[in-house]
Amino acid sequence: MQLTERINRIQISPTAAVIAEADRLKSQGVDIADFGPGEPDFPTPEHIKKAAIRAIEENKSKYTPTGGIMPLREAICAWHKRELGSNYVPKECAVSVGGKPVHLTPHQFELLRVLAVNKGKLLTHRALLREVWGPGYGTESNLLHVNVSQLRRKIEPDRAHPQYLITEAGAGYRLVEPTP
């Protein structure tokens, strides 16, 4: 009986629910941008396929160093400097798969950075949209809500009861240190 009760409590994952709803809407001809699964909605580019095959042929199929291989870390630092004006060096950069690192998209990273720089301050939806996505944004609150939800999933112990990324209903968000 206990197993049956547990099975009856199993629900579709939020990601699977978003994918299913996006597929349903697409089948009705609705043009949507699906941010649910966090995966590309296009075929893997040819150069990436070829690089993967080349890596296998060169026996580059073993675990990499914990922080990631140096060429990747160097490329990340170069991208970050070019795109965000930072000045990180590879020893300050870590890349990992598995183990529970926090993987942020560039917009999630920038959203968290803006909130952290303004820790404790209320930032309006409009201000966050313009700061993170650019001056042409300001009314796309759903875009912000989706990214905040995804960010909470990654940084909050219990996203249903946020401790760090707090919603101020109808106003915006603030990043705070949790109260003990």
N, C-alpha and C. Protein backbone atom coordinates (compact mmCIF):
# COMPACT_ATOMS: atom_id res chain seq x y z
N MET A 1 0.82 -1.20 0.00
CA MET A 1 0.00 0.00 0.00
C MET A 1 0.86 1.26 0.00
N GLN A 2 1.96 1.24 0.75
CA GLN A 2 2.81 2.42 0.83
C GLN A 2 3.41 2.75 -0.54
N LEU A 3 3.84 1.73 -1.30
CA LEU A 3 4.40 1.95 -2.62
C LEU A 3 3.36 2.57 -3.55
N THR A 4 2.13 2.09 -3.49
CA THR A 4 1.07 2.63 -4.34
C THR A 4 0.84 4.11 -4.05
N GLU A 5 0.84 4.48 -2.79
CA GLU A 5 0.66 5.89 -2.43
C GLU A 5 1.78 6.74 -3.00
N ARG A 6 3.00 6.22 -2.92
CA ARG A 6 4.13 6.97 -3.47
C ARG A 6 4.02 7.10 -4.98
N ILE A 7 3.65 6.03 -5.64
CA ILE A 7 3.51 6.07 -7.09
C ILE A 7 2.43 7.07 -7.49
N ASN A 8 1.34 7.10 -6.75
CA ASN A 8 0.26 8.04 -7.06
C ASN A 8 0.68 9.49 -6.88
N ARG A 9 1.73 9.73 -6.10
CA ARG A 9 2.20 11.10 -5.89
C ARG A 9 3.17 11.55 -6.98
N ILE A 10 3.64 10.61 -7.80
CA ILE A 10 4.59 10.95 -8.85
C ILE A 10 3.89 11.84 -9.86
N GLN A 11 4.54 12.92 -10.19
CA GLN A 11 3.99 13.86 -11.16
C GLN A 11 4.99 14.05 -12.28
N ILE A 12 4.50 14.50 -13.40
CA ILE A 12 5.39 14.82 -14.50
C ILE A 12 6.34 15.92 -14.05
N SER A 13 7.59 15.84 -14.48
CA SER A 13 8.55 16.86 -14.08
C SER A 13 8.15 18.20 -14.68
N PRO A 14 8.49 19.30 -14.02
CA PRO A 14 8.16 20.62 -14.56
C PRO A 14 8.71 20.81 -15.97
N THR A 15 9.93 20.32 -16.22
CA THR A 15 10.52 20.47 -17.55
C THR A 15 9.71 19.70 -18.58
N ALA A 16 9.34 18.45 -18.25
CA ALA A 16 8.55 17.65 -19.18
C ALA A 16 7.18 18.30 -19.43
N ALA A 17 6.60 18.90 -18.40
CA ALA A 17 5.31 19.57 -18.56
C ALA A 17 5.43 20.76 -19.51
N VAL A 18 6.51 21.53 -19.37
CA VAL A 18 6.72 22.69 -20.24
C VAL A 18 6.94 22.22 -21.68
N ILE A 19 7.73 21.15 -21.85
CA ILE A 19 7.98 20.62 -23.19
C ILE A 19 6.68 20.17 -23.83
N ALA A 20 5.86 19.43 -23.06
CA ALA A 20 4.58 18.94 -23.58
C ALA A 20 3.67 20.09 -23.99
N GLU A 21 3.60 21.12 -23.15
CA GLU A 21 2.75 22.28 -23.47
C GLU A 21 3.28 23.02 -24.70
N ALA A 22 4.59 23.17 -24.80
CA ALA A 22 5.18 23.82 -25.97
C ALA A 22 4.87 23.02 -27.23
N ASP A 23 5.00 21.70 -27.15
CA ASP A 23 4.69 20.86 -28.31
C ASP A 23 3.22 20.99 -28.69
N ARG A 24 2.35 21.04 -27.69
CA ARG A 24 0.91 21.18 -27.95
C ARG A 24 0.63 22.50 -28.68
N LEU A 25 1.23 23.58 -28.17
CA LEU A 25 1.01 24.89 -28.79
C LEU A 25 1.60 24.95 -30.21
N LYS A 26 2.78 24.37 -30.38
CA LYS A 26 3.40 24.35 -31.72
C LYS A 26 2.51 23.59 -32.70
N SER A 27 1.90 22.48 -32.24
CA SER A 27 1.05 21.69 -33.13
C SER A 27 -0.20 22.46 -33.55
N GLN A 28 -0.55 23.49 -32.77
CA GLN A 28 -1.69 24.35 -33.10
C GLN A 28 -1.26 25.55 -33.94
N GLY A 29 0.03 25.61 -34.28
CA GLY A 29 0.52 26.70 -35.12
C GLY A 29 0.95 27.94 -34.36
N VAL A 30 0.99 27.86 -33.04
CA VAL A 30 1.41 29.01 -32.24
C VAL A 30 2.94 29.14 -32.34
N ASP A 31 3.42 30.34 -32.65
CA ASP A 31 4.85 30.61 -32.73
C ASP A 31 5.34 30.96 -31.33
N ILE A 32 6.09 30.07 -30.72
CA ILE A 32 6.56 30.31 -29.35
C ILE A 32 8.06 30.11 -29.25
N ALA A 33 8.64 30.74 -28.25
CA ALA A 33 10.04 30.52 -27.89
C ALA A 33 10.01 29.65 -26.65
N ASP A 34 10.47 28.41 -26.78
CA ASP A 34 10.39 27.45 -25.69
C ASP A 34 11.69 27.48 -24.88
N PHE A 35 11.66 28.05 -23.68
CA PHE A 35 12.83 28.11 -22.81
C PHE A 35 12.82 26.98 -21.78
N GLY A 36 11.85 26.08 -21.88
CA GLY A 36 11.67 25.04 -20.87
C GLY A 36 12.84 24.10 -20.68
N PRO A 37 13.22 23.33 -21.70
CA PRO A 37 14.21 22.29 -21.46
C PRO A 37 15.63 22.79 -21.31
N GLY A 38 15.90 24.01 -21.74
CA GLY A 38 17.26 24.52 -21.63
C GLY A 38 18.20 23.86 -22.63
N GLU A 39 17.64 23.29 -23.68
CA GLU A 39 18.47 22.67 -24.70
C GLU A 39 18.17 23.31 -26.04
N PRO A 40 19.11 23.20 -26.98
CA PRO A 40 18.88 23.83 -28.28
C PRO A 40 17.66 23.24 -28.99
N ASP A 41 16.97 24.07 -29.72
CA ASP A 41 15.84 23.58 -30.50
C ASP A 41 16.22 23.52 -31.98
N PHE A 42 17.51 23.22 -32.23
CA PHE A 42 18.02 23.10 -33.58
C PHE A 42 18.98 21.92 -33.62
N PRO A 43 19.22 21.37 -34.80
CA PRO A 43 20.13 20.23 -34.90
C PRO A 43 21.55 20.62 -34.48
N THR A 44 22.28 19.63 -34.00
CA THR A 44 23.67 19.87 -33.62
C THR A 44 24.45 20.33 -34.85
N PRO A 45 25.13 21.48 -34.77
CA PRO A 45 25.89 21.97 -35.92
C PRO A 45 26.95 20.96 -36.39
N GLU A 46 27.22 20.95 -37.68
CA GLU A 46 28.14 19.99 -38.28
C GLU A 46 29.52 20.04 -37.64
N HIS A 47 30.04 21.25 -37.37
CA HIS A 47 31.40 21.35 -36.81
C HIS A 47 31.49 20.73 -35.41
N ILE A 48 30.39 20.75 -34.67
CA ILE A 48 30.39 20.13 -33.34
C ILE A 48 30.34 18.62 -33.49
N LYS A 49 29.54 18.11 -34.42
CA LYS A 49 29.50 16.66 -34.68
C LYS A 49 30.89 16.16 -35.06
N LYS A 50 31.54 16.89 -35.97
CA LYS A 50 32.87 16.47 -36.44
C LYS A 50 33.89 16.52 -35.30
N ALA A 51 33.80 17.54 -34.46
CA ALA A 51 34.73 17.65 -33.33
C ALA A 51 34.53 16.50 -32.36
N ALA A 52 33.28 16.10 -32.13
CA ALA A 52 33.01 14.97 -31.23
C ALA A 52 33.58 13.67 -31.81
N ILE A 53 33.38 13.46 -33.09
CA ILE A 53 33.92 12.26 -33.75
C ILE A 53 35.44 12.26 -33.69
N ARG A 54 36.05 13.42 -33.98
CA ARG A 54 37.51 13.54 -33.93
C ARG A 54 38.03 13.24 -32.52
N ALA A 55 37.34 13.74 -31.50
CA ALA A 55 37.77 13.49 -30.11
C ALA A 55 37.73 12.00 -29.80
N ILE A 56 36.70 11.31 -30.25
CA ILE A 56 36.60 9.86 -30.02
C ILE A 56 37.73 9.15 -30.76
N GLU A 57 37.97 9.53 -32.02
CA GLU A 57 39.04 8.90 -32.80
C GLU A 57 40.41 9.13 -32.19
N GLU A 58 40.59 10.27 -31.49
CA GLU A 58 41.87 10.59 -30.84
C GLU A 58 41.92 10.07 -29.40
N ASN A 59 40.95 9.22 -29.05
CA ASN A 59 40.86 8.62 -27.70
C ASN A 59 40.76 9.66 -26.60
N LYS A 60 40.12 10.76 -26.89
CA LYS A 60 39.87 11.78 -25.87
C LYS A 60 38.50 11.52 -25.26
N SER A 61 38.40 10.36 -24.62
CA SER A 61 37.12 9.95 -24.05
C SER A 61 37.23 9.64 -22.56
N LYS A 62 38.30 10.08 -21.96
CA LYS A 62 38.52 9.85 -20.52
C LYS A 62 38.04 11.05 -19.74
N TYR A 63 37.92 10.86 -18.43
CA TYR A 63 37.55 11.98 -17.58
C TYR A 63 38.62 13.07 -17.67
N THR A 64 38.17 14.30 -17.64
CA THR A 64 39.09 15.43 -17.71
C THR A 64 39.43 15.88 -16.29
N PRO A 65 40.41 16.78 -16.15
CA PRO A 65 40.71 17.31 -14.82
C PRO A 65 39.45 17.92 -14.19
N THR A 66 39.39 17.93 -12.88
CA THR A 66 38.21 18.40 -12.16
C THR A 66 37.75 19.78 -12.60
N GLY A 67 38.68 20.69 -12.81
CA GLY A 67 38.30 22.05 -13.20
C GLY A 67 38.09 22.24 -14.68
N GLY A 68 38.30 21.19 -15.48
CA GLY A 68 38.17 21.29 -16.93
C GLY A 68 39.52 21.39 -17.60
N ILE A 69 39.56 21.10 -18.89
CA ILE A 69 40.83 21.16 -19.61
C ILE A 69 41.22 22.62 -19.84
N MET A 70 42.51 22.87 -19.84
CA MET A 70 43.01 24.24 -19.92
C MET A 70 42.55 24.98 -21.18
N PRO A 71 42.57 24.37 -22.38
CA PRO A 71 42.10 25.13 -23.55
C PRO A 71 40.64 25.60 -23.40
N LEU A 72 39.80 24.78 -22.79
CA LEU A 72 38.41 25.18 -22.58
C LEU A 72 38.33 26.33 -21.57
N ARG A 73 39.08 26.23 -20.48
CA ARG A 73 39.07 27.29 -19.48
C ARG A 73 39.60 28.59 -20.06
N GLU A 74 40.63 28.51 -20.91
CA GLU A 74 41.16 29.70 -21.57
C GLU A 74 40.12 30.31 -22.51
N ALA A 75 39.42 29.44 -23.25
CA ALA A 75 38.39 29.94 -24.17
C ALA A 75 37.24 30.60 -23.40
N ILE A 76 36.86 30.03 -22.28
CA ILE A 76 35.79 30.62 -21.47
C ILE A 76 36.21 32.00 -20.96
N CYS A 77 37.44 32.10 -20.47
CA CYS A 77 37.92 33.40 -19.97
C CYS A 77 37.97 34.43 -21.10
N ALA A 78 38.40 34.01 -22.29
CA ALA A 78 38.46 34.93 -23.43
C ALA A 78 37.05 35.39 -23.81
N TRP A 79 36.10 34.45 -23.85
CA TRP A 79 34.72 34.80 -24.17
C TRP A 79 34.15 35.76 -23.13
N HIS A 80 34.40 35.44 -21.85
CA HIS A 80 33.86 36.26 -20.77
C HIS A 80 34.42 37.67 -20.83
N LYS A 81 35.71 37.79 -21.15
CA LYS A 81 36.33 39.11 -21.26
C LYS A 81 35.73 39.88 -22.43
N ARG A 82 35.62 39.20 -23.59
CA ARG A 82 35.09 39.84 -24.79
C ARG A 82 33.63 40.25 -24.62
N GLU A 83 32.82 39.37 -24.07
CA GLU A 83 31.38 39.60 -23.98
C GLU A 83 30.96 40.43 -22.76
N LEU A 84 31.68 40.25 -21.65
CA LEU A 84 31.23 40.87 -20.39
C LEU A 84 32.27 41.82 -19.78
N GLY A 85 33.42 41.94 -20.43
CA GLY A 85 34.43 42.88 -19.95
C GLY A 85 35.14 42.46 -18.68
N SER A 86 35.10 41.17 -18.36
CA SER A 86 35.75 40.70 -17.13
C SER A 86 37.24 40.52 -17.37
N ASN A 87 37.95 40.16 -16.32
CA ASN A 87 39.39 39.97 -16.44
C ASN A 87 39.82 38.72 -15.67
N TYR A 88 39.09 37.62 -15.87
CA TYR A 88 39.41 36.37 -15.18
C TYR A 88 40.55 35.65 -15.88
N VAL A 89 41.28 34.85 -15.13
CA VAL A 89 42.32 33.99 -15.68
C VAL A 89 41.87 32.54 -15.52
N PRO A 90 42.42 31.62 -16.33
CA PRO A 90 41.95 30.23 -16.30
C PRO A 90 41.95 29.57 -14.92
N LYS A 91 42.89 29.93 -14.05
CA LYS A 91 42.90 29.29 -12.73
C LYS A 91 41.68 29.71 -11.88
N GLU A 92 40.99 30.78 -12.29
CA GLU A 92 39.78 31.22 -11.59
C GLU A 92 38.52 30.65 -12.22
N CYS A 93 38.68 29.84 -13.25
CA CYS A 93 37.55 29.30 -14.00
C CYS A 93 37.48 27.79 -13.77
N ALA A 94 36.31 27.28 -13.51
CA ALA A 94 36.13 25.83 -13.35
C ALA A 94 34.96 25.37 -14.21
N VAL A 95 35.15 24.22 -14.83
CA VAL A 95 34.13 23.63 -15.68
C VAL A 95 33.93 22.21 -15.20
N SER A 96 32.68 21.78 -15.06
CA SER A 96 32.48 20.40 -14.65
C SER A 96 31.15 19.88 -15.18
N VAL A 97 31.05 18.58 -15.24
CA VAL A 97 29.82 17.91 -15.62
C VAL A 97 29.50 16.93 -14.49
N GLY A 98 28.26 16.93 -14.03
CA GLY A 98 27.90 16.07 -12.90
C GLY A 98 28.34 16.72 -11.60
N GLY A 99 28.19 16.01 -10.52
CA GLY A 99 28.67 16.48 -9.23
C GLY A 99 27.91 17.62 -8.61
N LYS A 100 27.03 18.29 -9.29
CA LYS A 100 26.18 19.37 -8.80
C LYS A 100 26.77 20.76 -8.93
N PRO A 101 27.56 21.06 -9.96
CA PRO A 101 27.94 22.46 -10.13
C PRO A 101 26.71 23.25 -10.57
N VAL A 102 26.80 24.54 -10.48
CA VAL A 102 25.70 25.39 -10.94
C VAL A 102 26.04 25.84 -12.36
N HIS A 103 25.24 25.39 -13.31
CA HIS A 103 25.43 25.78 -14.71
C HIS A 103 24.46 26.90 -15.03
N LEU A 104 24.98 28.04 -15.37
CA LEU A 104 24.13 29.18 -15.68
C LEU A 104 24.27 29.55 -17.15
N THR A 105 23.16 29.91 -17.77
CA THR A 105 23.21 30.47 -19.11
C THR A 105 23.81 31.86 -18.98
N PRO A 106 24.26 32.46 -20.07
CA PRO A 106 24.80 33.83 -19.97
C PRO A 106 23.79 34.81 -19.36
N HIS A 107 22.50 34.69 -19.71
CA HIS A 107 21.50 35.60 -19.14
C HIS A 107 21.29 35.31 -17.65
N GLN A 108 21.28 34.05 -17.26
CA GLN A 108 21.14 33.73 -15.84
C GLN A 108 22.34 34.25 -15.05
N PHE A 109 23.54 34.09 -15.62
CA PHE A 109 24.74 34.60 -14.97
C PHE A 109 24.64 36.11 -14.79
N GLU A 110 24.26 36.81 -15.86
CA GLU A 110 24.17 38.27 -15.80
C GLU A 110 23.08 38.70 -14.82
N LEU A 111 21.96 37.99 -14.80
CA LEU A 111 20.88 38.29 -13.86
C LEU A 111 21.38 38.15 -12.42
N LEU A 112 22.08 37.06 -12.14
CA LEU A 112 22.61 36.85 -10.80
C LEU A 112 23.67 37.90 -10.47
N ARG A 113 24.50 38.26 -11.44
CA ARG A 113 25.53 39.28 -11.21
C ARG A 113 24.90 40.63 -10.86
N VAL A 114 23.89 41.02 -11.64
CA VAL A 114 23.22 42.31 -11.39
C VAL A 114 22.57 42.31 -10.01
N LEU A 115 21.92 41.21 -9.67
CA LEU A 115 21.29 41.12 -8.35
C LEU A 115 22.34 41.15 -7.24
N ALA A 116 23.47 40.45 -7.46
CA ALA A 116 24.52 40.41 -6.43
C ALA A 116 25.17 41.77 -6.23
N VAL A 117 25.41 42.49 -7.32
CA VAL A 117 26.00 43.83 -7.22
C VAL A 117 25.07 44.76 -6.44
N ASN A 118 23.77 44.49 -6.53
CA ASN A 118 22.77 45.31 -5.84
C ASN A 118 22.14 44.55 -4.67
N LYS A 119 22.93 43.71 -4.02
CA LYS A 119 22.43 42.85 -2.94
C LYS A 119 21.58 43.63 -1.94
N GLY A 120 20.40 43.10 -1.67
CA GLY A 120 19.50 43.71 -0.70
C GLY A 120 18.58 44.77 -1.29
N LYS A 121 18.90 45.27 -2.47
CA LYS A 121 18.09 46.32 -3.10
C LYS A 121 17.00 45.70 -3.96
N LEU A 122 15.84 46.32 -3.95
CA LEU A 122 14.75 45.91 -4.82
C LEU A 122 15.05 46.40 -6.23
N LEU A 123 15.07 45.47 -7.19
CA LEU A 123 15.27 45.82 -8.59
C LEU A 123 13.97 45.52 -9.33
N THR A 124 13.43 46.52 -10.00
CA THR A 124 12.15 46.34 -10.69
C THR A 124 12.31 45.41 -11.88
N HIS A 125 11.18 44.88 -12.33
CA HIS A 125 11.18 44.02 -13.51
C HIS A 125 11.80 44.76 -14.69
N ARG A 126 11.35 45.99 -14.91
CA ARG A 126 11.84 46.80 -16.04
C ARG A 126 13.35 47.01 -15.94
N ALA A 127 13.83 47.35 -14.76
CA ALA A 127 15.27 47.61 -14.58
C ALA A 127 16.08 46.34 -14.86
N LEU A 128 15.61 45.20 -14.36
CA LEU A 128 16.34 43.95 -14.59
C LEU A 128 16.33 43.57 -16.06
N LEU A 129 15.19 43.70 -16.71
CA LEU A 129 15.11 43.36 -18.13
C LEU A 129 16.07 44.22 -18.95
N ARG A 130 16.09 45.50 -18.69
CA ARG A 130 16.95 46.40 -19.46
C ARG A 130 18.43 46.17 -19.15
N GLU A 131 18.73 45.91 -17.88
CA GLU A 131 20.12 45.70 -17.48
C GLU A 131 20.67 44.38 -18.03
N VAL A 132 19.86 43.34 -18.01
CA VAL A 132 20.33 42.01 -18.41
C VAL A 132 20.17 41.77 -19.91
N TRP A 133 19.04 42.13 -20.48
CA TRP A 133 18.78 41.83 -21.89
C TRP A 133 19.01 43.03 -22.81
N GLY A 134 19.04 44.22 -22.26
CA GLY A 134 19.33 45.39 -23.09
C GLY A 134 18.21 46.41 -23.06
N PRO A 135 18.50 47.62 -23.57
CA PRO A 135 17.55 48.73 -23.49
C PRO A 135 16.26 48.51 -24.27
N GLY A 136 16.26 47.58 -25.23
CA GLY A 136 15.05 47.31 -25.99
C GLY A 136 14.04 46.48 -25.24
N TYR A 137 14.40 46.03 -24.05
CA TYR A 137 13.51 45.19 -23.25
C TYR A 137 12.97 46.01 -22.08
N GLY A 138 11.86 45.62 -21.56
CA GLY A 138 11.29 46.33 -20.42
C GLY A 138 9.90 45.84 -20.07
N THR A 139 9.22 45.24 -21.04
CA THR A 139 7.85 44.77 -20.77
C THR A 139 7.74 43.26 -20.89
N GLU A 140 8.83 42.57 -21.18
CA GLU A 140 8.81 41.12 -21.37
C GLU A 140 8.96 40.41 -20.03
N SER A 141 8.00 40.63 -19.13
CA SER A 141 8.12 40.10 -17.77
C SER A 141 8.17 38.58 -17.75
N ASN A 142 7.53 37.92 -18.72
CA ASN A 142 7.56 36.46 -18.73
C ASN A 142 8.98 35.95 -18.94
N LEU A 143 9.76 36.61 -19.78
CA LEU A 143 11.15 36.26 -20.00
C LEU A 143 11.92 36.32 -18.69
N LEU A 144 11.69 37.36 -17.92
CA LEU A 144 12.35 37.52 -16.62
C LEU A 144 11.89 36.44 -15.65
N HIS A 145 10.59 36.20 -15.58
CA HIS A 145 10.05 35.21 -14.64
C HIS A 145 10.59 33.81 -14.93
N VAL A 146 10.68 33.45 -16.20
CA VAL A 146 11.21 32.13 -16.58
C VAL A 146 12.67 32.01 -16.12
N ASN A 147 13.46 33.04 -16.36
CA ASN A 147 14.87 32.98 -15.96
C ASN A 147 15.05 33.01 -14.46
N VAL A 148 14.22 33.75 -13.75
CA VAL A 148 14.28 33.74 -12.28
C VAL A 148 13.91 32.36 -11.76
N SER A 149 12.88 31.76 -12.34
CA SER A 149 12.48 30.41 -11.93
C SER A 149 13.61 29.41 -12.15
N GLN A 150 14.25 29.47 -13.32
CA GLN A 150 15.36 28.57 -13.61
C GLN A 150 16.54 28.84 -12.68
N LEU A 151 16.80 30.09 -12.40
CA LEU A 151 17.89 30.43 -11.49
C LEU A 151 17.60 29.92 -10.08
N ARG A 152 16.37 30.07 -9.63
CA ARG A 152 16.00 29.54 -8.31
C ARG A 152 16.21 28.03 -8.24
N ARG A 153 15.85 27.34 -9.31
CA ARG A 153 16.01 25.89 -9.36
C ARG A 153 17.48 25.53 -9.15
N LYS A 154 18.38 26.41 -9.55
CA LYS A 154 19.80 26.12 -9.50
C LYS A 154 20.47 26.57 -8.20
N ILE A 155 19.93 27.61 -7.54
CA ILE A 155 20.64 28.15 -6.38
C ILE A 155 19.89 28.01 -5.06
N GLU A 156 18.60 27.78 -5.11
CA GLU A 156 17.82 27.71 -3.87
C GLU A 156 17.73 26.27 -3.35
N PRO A 157 17.86 26.07 -2.04
CA PRO A 157 17.65 24.73 -1.49
C PRO A 157 16.22 24.23 -1.73
N ASP A 158 15.25 25.14 -1.65
CA ASP A 158 13.84 24.81 -1.88
C ASP A 158 13.24 25.97 -2.66
N ARG A 159 13.12 25.79 -3.97
CA ARG A 159 12.67 26.93 -4.79
C ARG A 159 11.25 27.37 -4.48
N ALA A 160 10.45 26.50 -3.84
CA ALA A 160 9.09 26.89 -3.45
C ALA A 160 9.12 27.87 -2.28
N HIS A 161 10.21 27.87 -1.54
CA HIS A 161 10.38 28.78 -0.40
C HIS A 161 11.75 29.45 -0.51
N PRO A 162 11.88 30.40 -1.44
CA PRO A 162 13.20 30.99 -1.69
C PRO A 162 13.79 31.69 -0.47
N GLN A 163 15.09 31.49 -0.31
CA GLN A 163 15.82 32.14 0.77
C GLN A 163 16.71 33.27 0.26
N TYR A 164 17.13 33.17 -1.00
CA TYR A 164 18.09 34.12 -1.55
C TYR A 164 17.47 35.09 -2.54
N LEU A 165 16.74 34.56 -3.50
CA LEU A 165 16.17 35.37 -4.57
C LEU A 165 14.70 35.60 -4.26
N ILE A 166 14.42 36.77 -3.70
CA ILE A 166 13.11 37.07 -3.13
C ILE A 166 12.26 37.88 -4.13
N THR A 167 11.00 37.48 -4.27
CA THR A 167 10.05 38.20 -5.11
C THR A 167 9.35 39.26 -4.28
N GLU A 168 9.31 40.46 -4.80
CA GLU A 168 8.50 41.52 -4.21
C GLU A 168 7.31 41.65 -5.16
N ALA A 169 6.16 41.10 -4.77
CA ALA A 169 4.99 40.99 -5.64
C ALA A 169 4.67 42.31 -6.35
N GLY A 170 4.57 42.21 -7.67
CA GLY A 170 4.21 43.37 -8.48
C GLY A 170 5.30 44.41 -8.64
N ALA A 171 6.46 44.18 -8.02
CA ALA A 171 7.51 45.20 -8.08
C ALA A 171 8.80 44.68 -8.72
N GLY A 172 9.31 43.56 -8.22
CA GLY A 172 10.58 43.06 -8.76
C GLY A 172 11.19 42.01 -7.86
N TYR A 173 12.51 41.97 -7.86
CA TYR A 173 13.24 40.95 -7.11
C TYR A 173 14.39 41.59 -6.35
N ARG A 174 14.81 40.87 -5.31
CA ARG A 174 15.99 41.27 -4.57
C ARG A 174 16.75 40.02 -4.15
N LEU A 175 18.08 40.14 -4.10
CA LEU A 175 18.93 39.05 -3.64
C LEU A 175 19.34 39.36 -2.21
N VAL A 176 19.11 38.44 -1.32
CA VAL A 176 19.41 38.65 0.09
C VAL A 176 20.18 37.48 0.66
N GLU A 177 20.81 37.70 1.78
CA GLU A 177 21.40 36.60 2.53
C GLU A 177 20.29 36.01 3.39
N PRO A 178 20.20 34.68 3.46
CA PRO A 178 19.10 34.09 4.24
C PRO A 178 19.24 34.39 5.72
N THR A 179 18.10 34.52 6.37
CA THR A 179 18.13 34.72 7.81
C THR A 179 18.29 33.37 8.48
N PRO A 180 19.11 33.32 9.54
CA PRO A 180 19.36 32.03 10.20
C PRO A 180 18.13 31.46 10.89
